[in-house]
Amino acid sequence: MVTANQQLIETLGIHLEGEYNLPPLAARIYAILILTDEDGLTFEDCLEKRGASKSSTSTSLNLLLNMGIITYFTKPGDRRRYFSVAKQKTFFLSKLQENLKRLEKEKEIITLVLEHHKKSSPKKLKEGQERTHIYLDYVNKNEKLLRESIEKLEKNID
């Protein structure tokens, strides 16, 4: 029987797969690290909670470490590494930064198309100008909100 916690790990894992383009096991391990109430989880903890092979678990943890979304620490007198979600690059901060990059790129492309229509197709410019400006207004407002939210989160991390 699947517990509510296991179902939440699965739901979050599926979401993280799509958002971070993670392999399924790495996404589930990341989900476990997000949801755990422990200070950190050892390699053995991750192995036990997922029931995957040692090599697959190791590969997944290394991928998450290399992406900078998890980190590890050690405890005095204990040779094991304890893995946890990275504090400097929180899930929410990285999501906002990704959204901002996408928005900036889209704004750049829309501006290029507008410039092209100004030079080459005044008819198309006139037909789509009002809709384009409404959409650009939306993009600009979202960009401002994203920048404000990123700034607040960055201050909160320090």
C-alpha atoms as a PDB file:
ATOM      1  CA  MET A   1       0.000   0.000   0.000  1.00  0.00           C
ATOM      2  CA  VAL A   2       1.311   3.440  -0.985  1.00  0.00           C
ATOM      3  CA  THR A   3       1.491   5.967   1.866  1.00  0.00           C
ATOM      4  CA  ALA A   4       0.553   9.623   1.514  1.00  0.00           C
ATOM      5  CA  ASN A   5       4.240  10.535   1.866  1.00  0.00           C
ATOM      6  CA  GLN A   6       5.240   8.118  -0.914  1.00  0.00           C
ATOM      7  CA  GLN A   7       2.514   9.552  -3.142  1.00  0.00           C
ATOM      8  CA  LEU A   8       3.749  13.094  -2.448  1.00  0.00           C
ATOM      9  CA  ILE A   9       7.327  12.043  -3.290  1.00  0.00           C
ATOM     10  CA  GLU A  10       6.070  10.550  -6.552  1.00  0.00           C
ATOM     11  CA  THR A  11       3.985  13.619  -7.444  1.00  0.00           C
ATOM     12  CA  LEU A  12       6.834  16.020  -6.653  1.00  0.00           C
ATOM     13  CA  GLY A  13       9.299  13.723  -8.433  1.00  0.00           C
ATOM     14  CA  ILE A  14       7.243  13.751 -11.634  1.00  0.00           C
ATOM     15  CA  HIS A  15       7.043  17.540 -11.448  1.00  0.00           C
ATOM     16  CA  LEU A  16      10.819  17.857 -10.902  1.00  0.00           C
ATOM     17  CA  GLU A  17      11.510  15.522 -13.835  1.00  0.00           C
ATOM     18  CA  GLY A  18       9.754  17.932 -16.159  1.00  0.00           C
ATOM     19  CA  GLU A  19      10.947  21.160 -14.598  1.00  0.00           C
ATOM     20  CA  TYR A  20      14.622  20.223 -14.274  1.00  0.00           C
ATOM     21  CA  ASN A  21      14.779  17.604 -17.006  1.00  0.00           C
ATOM     22  CA  LEU A  22      15.955  15.109 -14.377  1.00  0.00           C
ATOM     23  CA  PRO A  23      16.056  11.345 -14.704  1.00  0.00           C
ATOM     24  CA  PRO A  24      13.307   9.678 -12.624  1.00  0.00           C
ATOM     25  CA  LEU A  25      15.559   8.437  -9.809  1.00  0.00           C
ATOM     26  CA  ALA A  26      17.344  11.786  -9.389  1.00  0.00           C
ATOM     27  CA  ALA A  27      13.968  13.550  -9.295  1.00  0.00           C
ATOM     28  CA  ARG A  28      12.670  11.181  -6.597  1.00  0.00           C
ATOM     29  CA  ILE A  29      15.836  11.559  -4.504  1.00  0.00           C
ATOM     30  CA  TYR A  30      15.564  15.335  -4.804  1.00  0.00           C
ATOM     31  CA  ALA A  31      11.898  15.094  -3.762  1.00  0.00           C
ATOM     32  CA  ILE A  32      12.881  13.007  -0.730  1.00  0.00           C
ATOM     33  CA  LEU A  33      15.504  15.598   0.256  1.00  0.00           C
ATOM     34  CA  ILE A  34      12.960  18.406  -0.113  1.00  0.00           C
ATOM     35  CA  LEU A  35      10.385  16.618   2.015  1.00  0.00           C
ATOM     36  CA  THR A  36      12.545  15.107   4.753  1.00  0.00           C
ATOM     37  CA  ASP A  37      12.422  16.601   8.218  1.00  0.00           C
ATOM     38  CA  GLU A  38      15.904  15.282   8.978  1.00  0.00           C
ATOM     39  CA  ASP A  39      19.023  17.480   8.858  1.00  0.00           C
ATOM     40  CA  GLY A  40      20.364  15.498   5.946  1.00  0.00           C
ATOM     41  CA  LEU A  41      20.221  12.027   4.488  1.00  0.00           C
ATOM     42  CA  THR A  42      23.161   9.678   4.042  1.00  0.00           C
ATOM     43  CA  PHE A  43      23.851   7.725   0.889  1.00  0.00           C
ATOM     44  CA  GLU A  44      22.471   4.667   2.675  1.00  0.00           C
ATOM     45  CA  ASP A  45      19.277   6.555   3.593  1.00  0.00           C
ATOM     46  CA  CYS A  46      18.752   7.509  -0.063  1.00  0.00           C
ATOM     47  CA  LEU A  47      19.495   3.949  -1.124  1.00  0.00           C
ATOM     48  CA  GLU A  48      17.014   2.533   1.362  1.00  0.00           C
ATOM     49  CA  LYS A  49      14.235   5.025   0.617  1.00  0.00           C
ATOM     50  CA  ARG A  50      14.368   4.414  -3.150  1.00  0.00           C
ATOM     51  CA  GLY A  51      15.435   0.787  -3.325  1.00  0.00           C
ATOM     52  CA  ALA A  52      17.666   1.528  -6.307  1.00  0.00           C
ATOM     53  CA  SER A  53      21.126   0.153  -7.008  1.00  0.00           C
ATOM     54  CA  LYS A  54      24.206   1.723  -5.420  1.00  0.00           C
ATOM     55  CA  SER A  55      25.538   2.893  -8.765  1.00  0.00           C
ATOM     56  CA  SER A  56      22.230   4.465  -9.841  1.00  0.00           C
ATOM     57  CA  THR A  57      21.855   6.215  -6.487  1.00  0.00           C
ATOM     58  CA  SER A  58      25.449   7.448  -6.635  1.00  0.00           C
ATOM     59  CA  THR A  59      24.995   8.707 -10.201  1.00  0.00           C
ATOM     60  CA  SER A  60      21.791  10.525  -9.241  1.00  0.00           C
ATOM     61  CA  LEU A  61      23.321  12.174  -6.171  1.00  0.00           C
ATOM     62  CA  ASN A  62      26.350  13.287  -8.208  1.00  0.00           C
ATOM     63  CA  LEU A  63      24.078  14.764 -10.873  1.00  0.00           C
ATOM     64  CA  LEU A  64      22.133  16.738  -8.256  1.00  0.00           C
ATOM     65  CA  LEU A  65      25.405  17.899  -6.647  1.00  0.00           C
ATOM     66  CA  ASN A  66      26.806  18.991 -10.029  1.00  0.00           C
ATOM     67  CA  MET A  67      23.607  20.915 -10.759  1.00  0.00           C
ATOM     68  CA  GLY A  68      24.078  22.747  -7.470  1.00  0.00           C
ATOM     69  CA  ILE A  69      20.599  21.959  -6.196  1.00  0.00           C
ATOM     70  CA  ILE A  70      21.797  19.725  -3.362  1.00  0.00           C
ATOM     71  CA  THR A  71      24.852  19.860  -1.158  1.00  0.00           C
ATOM     72  CA  TYR A  72      26.420  17.691   1.495  1.00  0.00           C
ATOM     73  CA  PHE A  73      28.020  18.102   4.886  1.00  0.00           C
ATOM     74  CA  THR A  74      29.834  15.849   7.326  1.00  0.00           C
ATOM     75  CA  LYS A  75      29.549  15.455  11.078  1.00  0.00           C
ATOM     76  CA  PRO A  76      32.532  15.291  13.440  1.00  0.00           C
ATOM     77  CA  GLY A  77      33.595  11.702  13.994  1.00  0.00           C
ATOM     78  CA  ASP A  78      31.351  10.437  11.185  1.00  0.00           C
ATOM     79  CA  ARG A  79      32.893   9.707   7.789  1.00  0.00           C
ATOM     80  CA  ARG A  80      29.539   9.658   6.005  1.00  0.00           C
ATOM     81  CA  ARG A  81      28.254  12.500   3.871  1.00  0.00           C
ATOM     82  CA  TYR A  82      24.828  13.921   4.638  1.00  0.00           C
ATOM     83  CA  PHE A  83      22.939  15.264   1.634  1.00  0.00           C
ATOM     84  CA  SER A  84      20.458  18.135   1.795  1.00  0.00           C
ATOM     85  CA  VAL A  85      18.828  20.700  -0.452  1.00  0.00           C
ATOM     86  CA  ALA A  86      21.303  23.487  -1.254  1.00  0.00           C
ATOM     87  CA  LYS A  87      20.556  26.652   0.673  1.00  0.00           C
ATOM     88  CA  GLN A  88      22.202  29.051  -1.784  1.00  0.00           C
ATOM     89  CA  LYS A  89      20.136  27.930  -4.734  1.00  0.00           C
ATOM     90  CA  THR A  90      16.672  27.307  -3.470  1.00  0.00           C
ATOM     91  CA  PHE A  91      14.056  25.672  -5.626  1.00  0.00           C
ATOM     92  CA  PHE A  92      11.937  28.825  -5.730  1.00  0.00           C
ATOM     93  CA  LEU A  93      14.835  31.126  -6.556  1.00  0.00           C
ATOM     94  CA  SER A  94      16.050  28.953  -9.413  1.00  0.00           C
ATOM     95  CA  LYS A  95      12.507  28.655 -10.796  1.00  0.00           C
ATOM     96  CA  LEU A  96      12.076  32.430 -10.766  1.00  0.00           C
ATOM     97  CA  GLN A  97      15.469  32.920 -12.429  1.00  0.00           C
ATOM     98  CA  GLU A  98      14.578  30.406 -15.147  1.00  0.00           C
ATOM     99  CA  ASN A  99      11.232  32.126 -15.740  1.00  0.00           C
ATOM    100  CA  LEU A 100      12.960  35.495 -15.972  1.00  0.00           C
ATOM    101  CA  LYS A 101      15.423  34.189 -18.573  1.00  0.00           C
ATOM    102  CA  ARG A 102      12.569  32.740 -20.647  1.00  0.00           C
ATOM    103  CA  LEU A 103      10.622  35.976 -20.401  1.00  0.00           C
ATOM    104  CA  GLU A 104      13.645  38.087 -21.385  1.00  0.00           C
ATOM    105  CA  LYS A 105      14.287  35.858 -24.399  1.00  0.00           C
ATOM    106  CA  GLU A 106      10.655  36.023 -25.484  1.00  0.00           C
ATOM    107  CA  LYS A 107      10.629  39.810 -25.107  1.00  0.00           C
ATOM    108  CA  GLU A 108      13.780  40.018 -27.221  1.00  0.00           C
ATOM    109  CA  ILE A 109      12.237  37.893 -29.972  1.00  0.00           C
ATOM    110  CA  ILE A 110       8.963  39.845 -29.977  1.00  0.00           C
ATOM    111  CA  THR A 111      10.944  43.079 -30.259  1.00  0.00           C
ATOM    112  CA  LEU A 112      12.903  41.666 -33.215  1.00  0.00           C
ATOM    113  CA  VAL A 113       9.657  40.679 -34.962  1.00  0.00           C
ATOM    114  CA  LEU A 114       8.205  44.145 -34.319  1.00  0.00           C
ATOM    115  CA  GLU A 115      11.312  45.778 -35.788  1.00  0.00           C
ATOM    116  CA  HIS A 116      11.082  43.495 -38.811  1.00  0.00           C
ATOM    117  CA  HIS A 117       7.420  44.387 -39.346  1.00  0.00           C
ATOM    118  CA  LYS A 118       8.222  48.105 -39.021  1.00  0.00           C
ATOM    119  CA  LYS A 119      10.761  47.827 -41.847  1.00  0.00           C
ATOM    120  CA  SER A 120       9.234  45.159 -44.064  1.00  0.00           C
ATOM    121  CA  SER A 121       5.541  44.810 -43.399  1.00  0.00           C
ATOM    122  CA  PRO A 122       3.728  47.892 -42.134  1.00  0.00           C
ATOM    123  CA  LYS A 123       0.388  46.167 -42.776  1.00  0.00           C
ATOM    124  CA  LYS A 124       1.251  43.281 -40.429  1.00  0.00           C
ATOM    125  CA  LEU A 125       2.588  45.767 -37.901  1.00  0.00           C
ATOM    126  CA  LYS A 126      -0.687  47.690 -37.900  1.00  0.00           C
ATOM    127  CA  GLU A 127      -2.827  44.523 -37.731  1.00  0.00           C
ATOM    128  CA  GLY A 128      -1.004  43.045 -34.763  1.00  0.00           C
ATOM    129  CA  GLN A 129       0.293  46.118 -32.995  1.00  0.00           C
ATOM    130  CA  GLU A 130      -2.455  46.455 -30.380  1.00  0.00           C
ATOM    131  CA  ARG A 131      -2.376  42.738 -29.428  1.00  0.00           C
ATOM    132  CA  THR A 132       1.423  42.767 -29.367  1.00  0.00           C
ATOM    133  CA  HIS A 133       1.546  45.788 -27.084  1.00  0.00           C
ATOM    134  CA  ILE A 134      -1.017  44.248 -24.722  1.00  0.00           C
ATOM    135  CA  TYR A 135       1.117  41.127 -24.568  1.00  0.00           C
ATOM    136  CA  LEU A 136       4.341  43.129 -24.117  1.00  0.00           C
ATOM    137  CA  ASP A 137       2.688  45.039 -21.288  1.00  0.00           C
ATOM    138  CA  TYR A 138       1.926  41.681 -19.642  1.00  0.00           C
ATOM    139  CA  VAL A 139       5.513  40.521 -20.201  1.00  0.00           C
ATOM    140  CA  ASN A 140       6.954  43.758 -18.772  1.00  0.00           C
ATOM    141  CA  LYS A 141       4.774  43.534 -15.655  1.00  0.00           C
ATOM    142  CA  ASN A 142       5.763  39.905 -15.123  1.00  0.00           C
ATOM    143  CA  GLU A 143       9.424  40.754 -15.655  1.00  0.00           C
ATOM    144  CA  LYS A 144       9.207  43.486 -12.999  1.00  0.00           C
ATOM    145  CA  LEU A 145       7.445  41.125 -10.564  1.00  0.00           C
ATOM    146  CA  LEU A 146      10.002  38.372 -11.186  1.00  0.00           C
ATOM    147  CA  ARG A 147      12.913  40.747 -10.554  1.00  0.00           C
ATOM    148  CA  GLU A 148      11.328  41.965  -7.310  1.00  0.00           C
ATOM    149  CA  SER A 149      10.663  38.401  -6.138  1.00  0.00           C
ATOM    150  CA  ILE A 150      14.195  37.264  -7.031  1.00  0.00           C
ATOM    151  CA  GLU A 151      15.644  40.200  -5.097  1.00  0.00           C
ATOM    152  CA  LYS A 152      13.527  39.344  -2.037  1.00  0.00           C
ATOM    153  CA  LEU A 153      14.510  35.665  -2.173  1.00  0.00           C
ATOM    154  CA  GLU A 154      18.197  36.490  -2.597  1.00  0.00           C
ATOM    155  CA  LYS A 155      18.055  38.722   0.477  1.00  0.00           C
ATOM    156  CA  ASN A 156      16.263  35.940   2.362  1.00  0.00           C
ATOM    157  CA  ILE A 157      18.973  33.370   1.549  1.00  0.00           C
ATOM    158  CA  ASP A 158      21.864  35.381   3.012  1.00  0.00           C
END
